[in-house]
Amino acid sequence: MTITTSKIKVLFIAGFGPIVRDQKRSEKFYAESLGLSFNREDGGYLHTERIAGVKHFALWPLSQAAQSCFGTDAWPKHLPIPHSWLEFDVHDVEAASKELKREGYKLLVSMRKEPWGQMVTRLLSPEGILVGVTYTPAMREKK
């Protein structure tokens, strides 16, 4: 059974991963215990595009998630701290952003262009997941 009621057209899951508060423990679990191989970026951002089923899996430090949403390294005390992030690449980020706002969701970031070319709107899901609706040019199939 398929349930489709939204005006938002999700194309694929662009990325997923935990939001990390203890970098050493998380790295030990994912890299050493599970044997995942990561690329390391500045600030402790570890990512891979080599796991089947997800285009991008990353250990995202909480300070970087806060920076992406609020321009500061600290997550605001009045909001629940997310434990994971999930990004859905959608057909139209602007329309999706307007629809989510119309439905009463608080957008933490709306239509922001990231340095790597991704357009993103971020919000917290009812479960406390940091969700992004995105347009990620590098992940789109070339025609």
Protein backbone atom coordinates (compact mmCIF):
# COMPACT_ATOMS: atom_id res chain seq x y z
CA MET A 1 0.00 0.00 0.00
CA THR A 2 1.36 3.43 -0.93
CA ILE A 3 0.28 6.53 0.96
CA THR A 4 0.84 9.77 -0.95
CA THR A 5 -0.88 12.96 0.12
CA SER A 6 1.82 15.64 -0.01
CA LYS A 7 2.44 18.20 -2.70
CA ILE A 8 6.18 17.71 -2.11
CA LYS A 9 7.87 15.31 -4.56
CA VAL A 10 10.79 13.50 -2.89
CA LEU A 11 13.23 12.09 -5.45
CA PHE A 12 15.74 10.28 -3.22
CA ILE A 13 17.43 10.29 0.16
CA ALA A 14 20.45 12.51 -0.29
CA GLY A 15 22.08 11.67 3.02
CA PHE A 16 21.74 10.37 6.55
CA GLY A 17 23.83 10.00 9.67
CA PRO A 18 24.15 10.67 13.36
CA ILE A 19 24.76 14.12 14.78
CA VAL A 20 27.87 13.59 16.87
CA ARG A 21 28.55 15.00 20.32
CA ASP A 22 31.45 12.68 21.27
CA GLN A 23 33.62 12.51 18.14
CA LYS A 24 36.07 9.90 19.45
CA ARG A 25 33.39 7.45 20.59
CA SER A 26 31.39 7.83 17.38
CA GLU A 27 34.45 7.44 15.17
CA LYS A 28 35.52 4.33 17.12
CA PHE A 29 32.07 2.75 16.68
CA TYR A 30 31.52 3.53 12.99
CA ALA A 31 35.09 3.31 11.68
CA GLU A 32 36.71 0.73 13.95
CA SER A 33 33.84 -1.48 15.16
CA LEU A 34 31.74 -1.39 11.97
CA GLY A 35 34.76 -1.01 9.65
CA LEU A 36 33.38 1.90 7.62
CA SER A 37 35.91 3.92 5.64
CA PHE A 38 35.46 7.70 5.78
CA ASN A 39 36.83 10.80 4.11
CA ARG A 40 37.84 13.34 6.77
CA GLU A 41 36.98 17.03 6.40
CA ASP A 42 37.80 20.01 8.61
CA GLY A 43 36.06 20.16 11.97
CA GLY A 44 35.62 16.40 12.37
CA TYR A 45 33.13 15.86 9.54
CA LEU A 46 33.56 12.25 8.38
CA HIS A 47 31.66 11.10 5.30
CA THR A 48 31.44 8.35 2.73
CA GLU A 49 29.62 7.79 -0.52
CA ARG A 50 30.52 4.08 -0.56
CA ILE A 51 27.60 2.54 1.37
CA ALA A 52 24.89 1.03 -0.82
CA GLY A 53 21.41 2.44 -0.19
CA VAL A 54 22.42 5.99 0.73
CA LYS A 55 24.15 8.55 -1.42
CA HIS A 56 25.98 10.21 1.50
CA PHE A 57 26.48 8.92 5.07
CA ALA A 58 28.25 11.23 7.51
CA LEU A 59 29.09 11.75 11.16
CA TRP A 60 28.08 15.40 11.47
CA PRO A 61 29.42 17.22 14.56
CA LEU A 62 26.69 19.06 16.46
CA SER A 63 28.72 22.28 16.24
CA GLN A 64 28.67 22.08 12.43
CA ALA A 65 24.93 21.34 12.36
CA ALA A 66 24.38 24.39 14.57
CA GLN A 67 26.63 26.46 12.30
CA SER A 68 24.64 25.34 9.24
CA CYS A 69 21.31 26.26 10.83
CA PHE A 70 22.08 29.24 13.06
CA GLY A 71 25.55 30.56 12.14
CA THR A 72 26.95 29.65 15.58
CA ASP A 73 28.75 26.60 16.98
CA ALA A 74 26.23 26.19 19.83
CA TRP A 75 22.83 24.55 19.39
CA PRO A 76 20.12 26.84 20.86
CA LYS A 77 19.01 25.75 24.33
CA HIS A 78 15.32 26.32 23.51
CA LEU A 79 15.34 23.62 20.78
CA PRO A 80 15.75 19.86 21.24
CA ILE A 81 19.22 18.66 20.27
CA PRO A 82 18.89 16.40 17.21
CA HIS A 83 20.49 12.97 17.30
CA SER A 84 20.53 12.43 13.54
CA TRP A 85 20.11 14.20 10.23
CA LEU A 86 18.21 13.14 7.12
CA GLU A 87 18.07 14.92 3.77
CA PHE A 88 15.48 14.37 1.07
CA ASP A 89 16.33 15.69 -2.38
CA VAL A 90 13.09 17.06 -3.79
CA HIS A 91 11.83 18.18 -7.18
CA ASP A 92 11.36 21.81 -6.08
CA VAL A 93 12.96 23.08 -2.84
CA GLU A 94 11.18 26.43 -2.99
CA ALA A 95 7.73 24.84 -3.34
CA ALA A 96 8.56 22.25 -0.64
CA SER A 97 9.74 25.00 1.72
CA LYS A 98 6.56 27.02 1.19
CA GLU A 99 4.39 23.92 1.72
CA LEU A 100 6.18 22.94 4.95
CA LYS A 101 5.87 26.49 6.28
CA ARG A 102 2.19 26.62 5.26
CA GLU A 103 1.64 23.38 7.18
CA GLY A 104 3.00 25.06 10.31
CA TYR A 105 6.54 23.69 10.51
CA LYS A 106 9.23 26.01 11.88
CA LEU A 107 11.95 26.29 9.25
CA LEU A 108 15.39 26.67 10.83
CA VAL A 109 16.96 27.53 7.46
CA SER A 110 15.01 28.30 4.30
CA MET A 111 16.40 28.11 0.77
CA ARG A 112 20.04 28.48 1.84
CA LYS A 113 22.75 27.80 -0.72
CA GLU A 114 25.61 25.80 0.79
CA PRO A 115 29.22 26.32 -0.39
CA TRP A 116 29.12 22.98 -2.31
CA GLY A 117 26.11 24.16 -4.37
CA GLN A 118 23.30 22.42 -2.47
CA MET A 119 20.10 24.39 -1.85
CA VAL A 120 18.62 23.44 1.54
CA THR A 121 15.75 24.09 3.90
CA ARG A 122 16.12 22.56 7.39
CA LEU A 123 13.61 21.83 10.14
CA LEU A 124 13.21 19.48 13.10
CA SER A 125 10.89 16.52 12.59
CA PRO A 126 8.39 15.55 15.30
CA GLU A 127 10.96 12.91 16.43
CA GLY A 128 13.75 15.47 16.69
CA ILE A 129 15.60 14.53 13.49
CA LEU A 130 17.26 17.45 11.69
CA VAL A 131 15.54 17.11 8.29
CA GLY A 132 16.60 18.84 5.13
CA VAL A 133 14.67 19.21 1.91
CA THR A 134 17.33 19.79 -0.68
CA TYR A 135 18.41 20.21 -4.26
CA THR A 136 21.87 18.65 -4.57
CA PRO A 137 23.25 19.17 -8.10
CA ALA A 138 26.21 16.80 -7.65
CA MET A 139 23.84 13.92 -6.81
CA ARG A 140 21.45 14.42 -9.71
CA GLU A 141 21.79 12.08 -12.66
CA LYS A 142 23.30 13.75 -15.69
CA LYS A 143 21.14 13.47 -18.80
